C-alpha atoms as a PDB file:
ATOM      1  CA  MET A   1     -14.114  -3.572  27.202  1.00  0.00           C
ATOM      2  CA  ASN A   2     -13.433  -2.923  31.185  1.00  0.00           C
ATOM      3  CA  GLN A   3     -12.419  -5.412  33.790  1.00  0.00           C
ATOM      4  CA  ALA A   4     -15.789  -4.786  35.799  1.00  0.00           C
ATOM      5  CA  GLY A   5     -18.296  -5.688  33.184  1.00  0.00           C
ATOM      6  CA  GLN A   6     -17.253  -7.395  29.996  1.00  0.00           C
ATOM      7  CA  GLY A   7     -18.035  -4.213  27.915  1.00  0.00           C
ATOM      8  CA  THR A   8     -20.610  -2.700  30.191  1.00  0.00           C
ATOM      9  CA  SER A   9     -22.008   0.798  29.322  1.00  0.00           C
ATOM     10  CA  PRO A  10     -23.802   2.833  31.781  1.00  0.00           C
ATOM     11  CA  LEU A  11     -26.598   5.207  31.230  1.00  0.00           C
ATOM     12  CA  ILE A  12     -26.978   7.797  34.108  1.00  0.00           C
ATOM     13  CA  PRO A  13     -29.996  10.058  34.021  1.00  0.00           C
ATOM     14  CA  PRO A  14     -30.505  13.229  36.206  1.00  0.00           C
ATOM     15  CA  PRO A  15     -30.808  12.447  40.021  1.00  0.00           C
ATOM     16  CA  SER A  16     -34.413  11.896  41.121  1.00  0.00           C
ATOM     17  CA  GLY A  17     -34.393  13.973  44.239  1.00  0.00           C
ATOM     18  CA  ASP A  18     -34.860  10.962  46.595  1.00  0.00           C
ATOM     19  CA  PHE A  19     -31.089  10.695  47.257  1.00  0.00           C
ATOM     20  CA  GLY A  20     -30.820   7.807  44.838  1.00  0.00           C
ATOM     21  CA  VAL A  21     -29.196   7.596  41.628  1.00  0.00           C
ATOM     22  CA  ASP A  22     -30.956   5.411  38.880  1.00  0.00           C
ATOM     23  CA  PHE A  23     -28.671   4.061  36.173  1.00  0.00           C
ATOM     24  CA  GLU A  24     -28.842   1.271  33.502  1.00  0.00           C
ATOM     25  CA  ARG A  25     -25.899  -1.060  32.960  1.00  0.00           C
ATOM     26  CA  ASN A  26     -25.701  -2.645  29.518  1.00  0.00           C
ATOM     27  CA  ILE A  27     -23.786  -5.833  29.162  1.00  0.00           C
ATOM     28  CA  GLY A  28     -23.816  -6.632  25.450  1.00  0.00           C
ATOM     29  CA  ASN A  29     -27.290  -6.588  24.346  1.00  0.00           C
ATOM     30  CA  ASN A  30     -28.685  -7.086  27.703  1.00  0.00           C
ATOM     31  CA  GLN A  31     -30.168  -4.234  30.025  1.00  0.00           C
ATOM     32  CA  PHE A  32     -29.882  -4.467  33.642  1.00  0.00           C
ATOM     33  CA  PRO A  33     -31.691  -1.189  35.354  1.00  0.00           C
ATOM     34  CA  VAL A  34     -30.402  -0.254  38.771  1.00  0.00           C
ATOM     35  CA  GLN A  35     -31.872   1.728  41.559  1.00  0.00           C
ATOM     36  CA  VAL A  36     -29.750   3.021  44.266  1.00  0.00           C
ATOM     37  CA  LYS A  37     -31.418   4.317  47.551  1.00  0.00           C
ATOM     38  CA  CYS A  38     -29.335   6.190  50.177  1.00  0.00           C
ATOM     39  CA  LYS A  39     -31.695   5.756  53.151  1.00  0.00           C
ATOM     40  CA  LYS A  40     -31.538   4.961  57.030  1.00  0.00           C
ATOM     41  CA  ASN A  41     -34.908   3.075  57.100  1.00  0.00           C
ATOM     42  CA  ASP A  42     -35.305  -0.181  55.421  1.00  0.00           C
ATOM     43  CA  ILE A  43     -36.314  -0.260  51.818  1.00  0.00           C
ATOM     44  CA  SER A  44     -40.056  -1.187  51.042  1.00  0.00           C
ATOM     45  CA  PHE A  45     -41.327  -3.005  48.017  1.00  0.00           C
ATOM     46  CA  ASP A  46     -42.098   0.003  46.044  1.00  0.00           C
ATOM     47  CA  PRO A  47     -38.597   0.579  44.538  1.00  0.00           C
ATOM     48  CA  VAL A  48     -38.625  -3.365  43.793  1.00  0.00           C
ATOM     49  CA  ALA A  49     -41.913  -2.980  42.074  1.00  0.00           C
ATOM     50  CA  THR A  50     -40.934   0.248  39.979  1.00  0.00           C
ATOM     51  CA  LEU A  51     -37.699  -1.454  39.055  1.00  0.00           C
ATOM     52  CA  HIS A  52     -39.801  -4.646  37.912  1.00  0.00           C
ATOM     53  CA  SER A  53     -41.962  -2.332  35.971  1.00  0.00           C
ATOM     54  CA  LYS A  54     -38.929  -0.879  34.286  1.00  0.00           C
ATOM     55  CA  MET A  55     -37.644  -4.325  33.646  1.00  0.00           C
ATOM     56  CA  VAL A  56     -40.811  -5.537  31.832  1.00  0.00           C
ATOM     57  CA  LYS A  57     -41.144  -2.455  29.747  1.00  0.00           C
ATOM     58  CA  GLN A  58     -37.553  -2.783  28.558  1.00  0.00           C
ATOM     59  CA  ASN A  59     -37.308  -6.387  28.225  1.00  0.00           C
ATOM     60  CA  ALA A  60     -34.495  -6.344  30.652  1.00  0.00           C
ATOM     61  CA  LYS A  61     -32.724  -9.588  31.808  1.00  0.00           C
ATOM     62  CA  GLY A  62     -32.424  -8.559  35.446  1.00  0.00           C
ATOM     63  CA  GLY A  63     -32.181  -5.475  37.688  1.00  0.00           C
ATOM     64  CA  TYR A  64     -30.459  -4.393  40.907  1.00  0.00           C
ATOM     65  CA  VAL A  65     -31.788  -2.301  43.900  1.00  0.00           C
ATOM     66  CA  ILE A  66     -28.950  -1.086  46.101  1.00  0.00           C
ATOM     67  CA  THR A  67     -29.207   0.674  49.365  1.00  0.00           C
ATOM     68  CA  THR A  68     -27.239   2.165  52.229  1.00  0.00           C
ATOM     69  CA  SER A  69     -29.847   0.462  54.553  1.00  0.00           C
ATOM     70  CA  SER A  70     -31.666  -2.935  54.314  1.00  0.00           C
ATOM     71  CA  PHE A  71     -34.725  -4.263  52.859  1.00  0.00           C
ATOM     72  CA  THR A  72     -38.223  -5.210  54.533  1.00  0.00           C
ATOM     73  CA  GLU A  73     -39.509  -8.737  54.118  1.00  0.00           C
ATOM     74  CA  ALA A  74     -42.079  -7.404  51.715  1.00  0.00           C
ATOM     75  CA  ALA A  75     -39.409  -6.231  49.597  1.00  0.00           C
ATOM     76  CA  LYS A  76     -37.388  -9.338  49.708  1.00  0.00           C
ATOM     77  CA  GLN A  77     -40.539 -11.430  48.792  1.00  0.00           C
ATOM     78  CA  TYR A  78     -41.393  -9.206  45.931  1.00  0.00           C
ATOM     79  CA  ALA A  79     -37.867  -9.665  44.445  1.00  0.00           C
ATOM     80  CA  GLU A  80     -38.175 -13.526  44.624  1.00  0.00           C
ATOM     81  CA  GLY A  81     -37.915 -15.180  41.291  1.00  0.00           C
ATOM     82  CA  LEU A  82     -37.864 -11.885  39.295  1.00  0.00           C
ATOM     83  CA  TYR A  83     -34.059 -11.694  38.446  1.00  0.00           C
ATOM     84  CA  ILE A  84     -33.728  -8.673  40.780  1.00  0.00           C
ATOM     85  CA  LYS A  85     -30.497  -8.643  43.018  1.00  0.00           C
ATOM     86  CA  LEU A  86     -31.247  -6.727  46.365  1.00  0.00           C
ATOM     87  CA  VAL A  87     -27.764  -5.366  47.527  1.00  0.00           C
ATOM     88  CA  ASP A  88     -28.139  -3.943  51.343  1.00  0.00           C
ATOM     89  CA  ALA A  89     -25.503  -2.049  53.086  1.00  0.00           C
ATOM     90  CA  VAL A  90     -23.543  -5.124  54.587  1.00  0.00           C
ATOM     91  CA  ARG A  91     -23.355  -6.629  51.114  1.00  0.00           C
ATOM     92  CA  LEU A  92     -22.362  -3.079  49.548  1.00  0.00           C
ATOM     93  CA  VAL A  93     -19.555  -2.633  52.062  1.00  0.00           C
ATOM     94  CA  ASP A  94     -18.446  -6.216  51.271  1.00  0.00           C
ATOM     95  CA  LEU A  95     -18.289  -5.474  47.848  1.00  0.00           C
ATOM     96  CA  TRP A  96     -16.306  -2.225  48.462  1.00  0.00           C
ATOM     97  CA  LEU A  97     -13.740  -3.957  50.645  1.00  0.00           C
ATOM     98  CA  ASP A  98     -13.257  -6.633  48.018  1.00  0.00           C
ATOM     99  CA  GLY A  99     -12.529  -3.754  45.632  1.00  0.00           C
ATOM    100  CA  VAL A 100      -9.947  -2.406  47.879  1.00  0.00           C
ATOM    101  CA  LYS A 101      -8.194  -5.643  48.360  1.00  0.00           C
ATOM    102  CA  LYS A 102      -8.178  -6.210  44.603  1.00  0.00           C
ATOM    103  CA  ASP A 103      -6.785  -2.700  44.146  1.00  0.00           C
ATOM    104  CA  GLU A 104      -4.107  -3.175  46.747  1.00  0.00           C
ATOM    105  CA  LYS A 105      -3.197  -6.429  45.213  1.00  0.00           C
ATOM    106  CA  ASP A 106      -2.990  -5.033  41.820  1.00  0.00           C
ATOM    107  CA  ILE A 107      -1.029  -1.817  43.053  1.00  0.00           C
ATOM    108  CA  THR A 108       1.494  -3.161  45.567  1.00  0.00           C
ATOM    109  CA  PRO A 109       3.713  -4.719  42.815  1.00  0.00           C
ATOM    110  CA  LEU A 110       3.975  -1.425  41.001  1.00  0.00           C
ATOM    111  CA  PHE A 111       5.122   0.400  44.272  1.00  0.00           C
ATOM    112  CA  ILE A 112       7.756  -2.164  45.073  1.00  0.00           C
ATOM    113  CA  ALA A 113       9.116  -2.067  41.471  1.00  0.00           C
ATOM    114  CA  HIS A 114       8.996   1.818  41.715  1.00  0.00           C
ATOM    115  CA  ARG A 115      11.220   1.681  44.787  1.00  0.00           C
ATOM    116  CA  ASN A 116      13.863  -0.674  43.362  1.00  0.00           C
END
């Protein structure tokens, strides 16, 4: 079991060529498909619809679309009520910074103990 995901297990297929990486996050017996889109333009509803289709086929409890940009209003509306979490660039950076702060908090005492 790891800290990040209560026994999570990622399944990572080969890259798809759209500069995104698709993977599945399994937590216990629950599947959560994830699509990552590295784009500069806002993401349309298409990746959200594709993810939703995967969720239905796999009987997944939810899913994520993560991007280095943002989402169109159509994508946001499509995701509403479908247990799909949209993570845009701003939220992605916030999550990264939270991780950096946590690492610093966890590691700093080790450096202080090592110096003494």
